[in-house]
Structures are given as structure tokens and as C-alpha cells.
């Protein structure tokens, strides 16, 4: 499943999430009792949306970003982005 990552010296969460989404896109990535489930595909799409928004704001790799949201799916969406 992660053959490409085994040869890499570095990998990132977006890389792993993308690989998992292409393999098991509709399977649950995370389940919240209060908010329902988020599939791997949805998580990847949401992460890309958050990353794109941060990029448009001028945030660059290595910059620090403060996130203040309650525990839940929104936190996961932001954290993976």
C-alpha cells in the first residue's frame, strides 16, 4: 500500500492521505459520534481546500498558524490542510 513511501526519506500527512483516498476513498477516515463520518476522499478534498485558502492568505510551508476550534471534524479538516 505504501510502497512509494517506503523508498522516500520524508513523507507528509497530505501524501499519506492522498494515497489512502485513492485506495479507500469512500471508507471512513474518522467518525464523530456528534457529527457523523468523514471519508478519506472528503478529508483529502477538505484538506486541499484549507491548504489553498491558507496559500491565498500568504501562508508558506514552515509558517506557524494558530487554530482555535473545538474538537470535532472541523479541527480534523484544518489540521490535515
C-alpha atoms as a PDB file:
ATOM      1  CA  UNK A   1       0.000   0.000   0.000  1.00  0.00           C
ATOM      2  CA  UNK A   2       2.709   2.496   0.883  1.00  0.00           C
ATOM      3  CA  UNK A   3       5.476   1.137  -1.358  1.00  0.00           C
ATOM      4  CA  UNK A   4       6.323   4.601  -2.737  1.00  0.00           C
ATOM      5  CA  UNK A   5       6.620   5.951   0.782  1.00  0.00           C
ATOM      6  CA  UNK A   6       8.949   3.171   1.917  1.00  0.00           C
ATOM      7  CA  UNK A   7      11.616   4.436  -0.500  1.00  0.00           C
ATOM      8  CA  UNK A   8      11.137   8.068   0.485  1.00  0.00           C
ATOM      9  CA  UNK A   9      13.289   9.754   3.095  1.00  0.00           C
ATOM     10  CA  UNK A  10      10.384  12.028   4.006  1.00  0.00           C
ATOM     11  CA  UNK A  11       6.643  11.793   3.722  1.00  0.00           C
ATOM     12  CA  UNK A  12       3.853  14.066   4.839  1.00  0.00           C
ATOM     13  CA  UNK A  13       0.296  13.731   6.061  1.00  0.00           C
ATOM     14  CA  UNK A  14      -1.128  15.048   2.753  1.00  0.00           C
ATOM     15  CA  UNK A  15       0.904  12.406   0.900  1.00  0.00           C
ATOM     16  CA  UNK A  16      -0.415   9.603   3.102  1.00  0.00           C
ATOM     17  CA  UNK A  17      -3.978  10.952   2.986  1.00  0.00           C
ATOM     18  CA  UNK A  18      -3.853  11.168  -0.812  1.00  0.00           C
ATOM     19  CA  UNK A  19      -2.596   7.588  -1.110  1.00  0.00           C
ATOM     20  CA  UNK A  20      -5.300   6.335   1.230  1.00  0.00           C
ATOM     21  CA  UNK A  21      -8.027   8.367  -0.519  1.00  0.00           C
ATOM     22  CA  UNK A  22      -7.097   6.872  -3.885  1.00  0.00           C
ATOM     23  CA  UNK A  23      -7.226   3.390  -2.389  1.00  0.00           C
ATOM     24  CA  UNK A  24     -10.188   3.599   0.019  1.00  0.00           C
ATOM     25  CA  UNK A  25     -11.855   6.897  -0.867  1.00  0.00           C
ATOM     26  CA  UNK A  26     -15.337   6.181   0.462  1.00  0.00           C
ATOM     27  CA  UNK A  27     -14.254   4.391   3.631  1.00  0.00           C
ATOM     28  CA  UNK A  28     -14.378   6.364   6.893  1.00  0.00           C
ATOM     29  CA  UNK A  29     -11.264   8.388   7.715  1.00  0.00           C
ATOM     30  CA  UNK A  30     -12.696   9.449  11.059  1.00  0.00           C
ATOM     31  CA  UNK A  31     -16.046   9.059  12.810  1.00  0.00           C
ATOM     32  CA  UNK A  32     -17.543  11.524  15.270  1.00  0.00           C
ATOM     33  CA  UNK A  33     -20.434  10.497  17.463  1.00  0.00           C
ATOM     34  CA  UNK A  34     -21.895  14.008  17.220  1.00  0.00           C
ATOM     35  CA  UNK A  35     -21.048  14.921  13.615  1.00  0.00           C
ATOM     36  CA  UNK A  36     -21.017  11.672  11.641  1.00  0.00           C
ATOM     37  CA  UNK A  37     -18.213  10.349   9.462  1.00  0.00           C
ATOM     38  CA  UNK A  38     -15.657  11.905   7.153  1.00  0.00           C
ATOM     39  CA  UNK A  39     -14.424   9.675   4.320  1.00  0.00           C
ATOM     40  CA  UNK A  40     -10.837   9.608   3.093  1.00  0.00           C
ATOM     41  CA  UNK A  41     -11.927  11.344  -0.122  1.00  0.00           C
ATOM     42  CA  UNK A  42     -13.806  14.060   1.773  1.00  0.00           C
ATOM     43  CA  UNK A  43     -10.864  14.543   4.122  1.00  0.00           C
ATOM     44  CA  UNK A  44      -8.469  14.914   1.179  1.00  0.00           C
ATOM     45  CA  UNK A  45     -10.784  17.398  -0.576  1.00  0.00           C
ATOM     46  CA  UNK A  46     -11.291  19.418   2.615  1.00  0.00           C
ATOM     47  CA  UNK A  47      -7.552  19.428   3.336  1.00  0.00           C
ATOM     48  CA  UNK A  48      -6.845  20.747  -0.175  1.00  0.00           C
ATOM     49  CA  UNK A  49      -9.475  23.453   0.279  1.00  0.00           C
ATOM     50  CA  UNK A  50      -7.964  24.567   3.619  1.00  0.00           C
ATOM     51  CA  UNK A  51      -4.408  24.467   2.208  1.00  0.00           C
ATOM     52  CA  UNK A  52      -5.491  26.521  -0.809  1.00  0.00           C
ATOM     53  CA  UNK A  53      -7.148  29.115   1.406  1.00  0.00           C
ATOM     54  CA  UNK A  54      -4.056  29.410   3.597  1.00  0.00           C
ATOM     55  CA  UNK A  55      -1.872  29.736   0.492  1.00  0.00           C
ATOM     56  CA  UNK A  56      -4.081  32.558  -0.839  1.00  0.00           C
ATOM     57  CA  UNK A  57      -3.649  34.306   2.513  1.00  0.00           C
ATOM     58  CA  UNK A  58       0.118  34.161   2.033  1.00  0.00           C
ATOM     59  CA  UNK A  59       0.897  31.330   4.441  1.00  0.00           C
ATOM     60  CA  UNK A  60       4.008  29.431   3.299  1.00  0.00           C
ATOM     61  CA  UNK A  61       5.360  25.993   4.262  1.00  0.00           C
ATOM     62  CA  UNK A  62       7.020  26.275   7.655  1.00  0.00           C
ATOM     63  CA  UNK A  63       4.863  29.217   8.787  1.00  0.00           C
ATOM     64  CA  UNK A  64       3.025  28.797  12.059  1.00  0.00           C
ATOM     65  CA  UNK A  65      -0.747  29.046  12.098  1.00  0.00           C
ATOM     66  CA  UNK A  66      -2.894  29.227  15.220  1.00  0.00           C
ATOM     67  CA  UNK A  67      -6.109  27.213  15.086  1.00  0.00           C
ATOM     68  CA  UNK A  68      -8.800  27.746  17.686  1.00  0.00           C
ATOM     69  CA  UNK A  69     -11.754  25.468  17.049  1.00  0.00           C
ATOM     70  CA  UNK A  70     -13.439  22.931  19.296  1.00  0.00           C
ATOM     71  CA  UNK A  71     -12.609  19.257  18.940  1.00  0.00           C
ATOM     72  CA  UNK A  72     -14.531  17.798  16.047  1.00  0.00           C
ATOM     73  CA  UNK A  73     -14.481  17.293  12.296  1.00  0.00           C
ATOM     74  CA  UNK A  74     -13.677  20.957  11.614  1.00  0.00           C
ATOM     75  CA  UNK A  75     -10.465  20.567  13.615  1.00  0.00           C
ATOM     76  CA  UNK A  76      -9.542  17.488  11.553  1.00  0.00           C
ATOM     77  CA  UNK A  77     -10.271  19.360   8.320  1.00  0.00           C
ATOM     78  CA  UNK A  78      -7.984  22.213   9.339  1.00  0.00           C
ATOM     79  CA  UNK A  79      -5.246  20.005  10.805  1.00  0.00           C
ATOM     80  CA  UNK A  80      -4.971  17.879   7.658  1.00  0.00           C
ATOM     81  CA  UNK A  81      -4.886  21.010   5.455  1.00  0.00           C
END
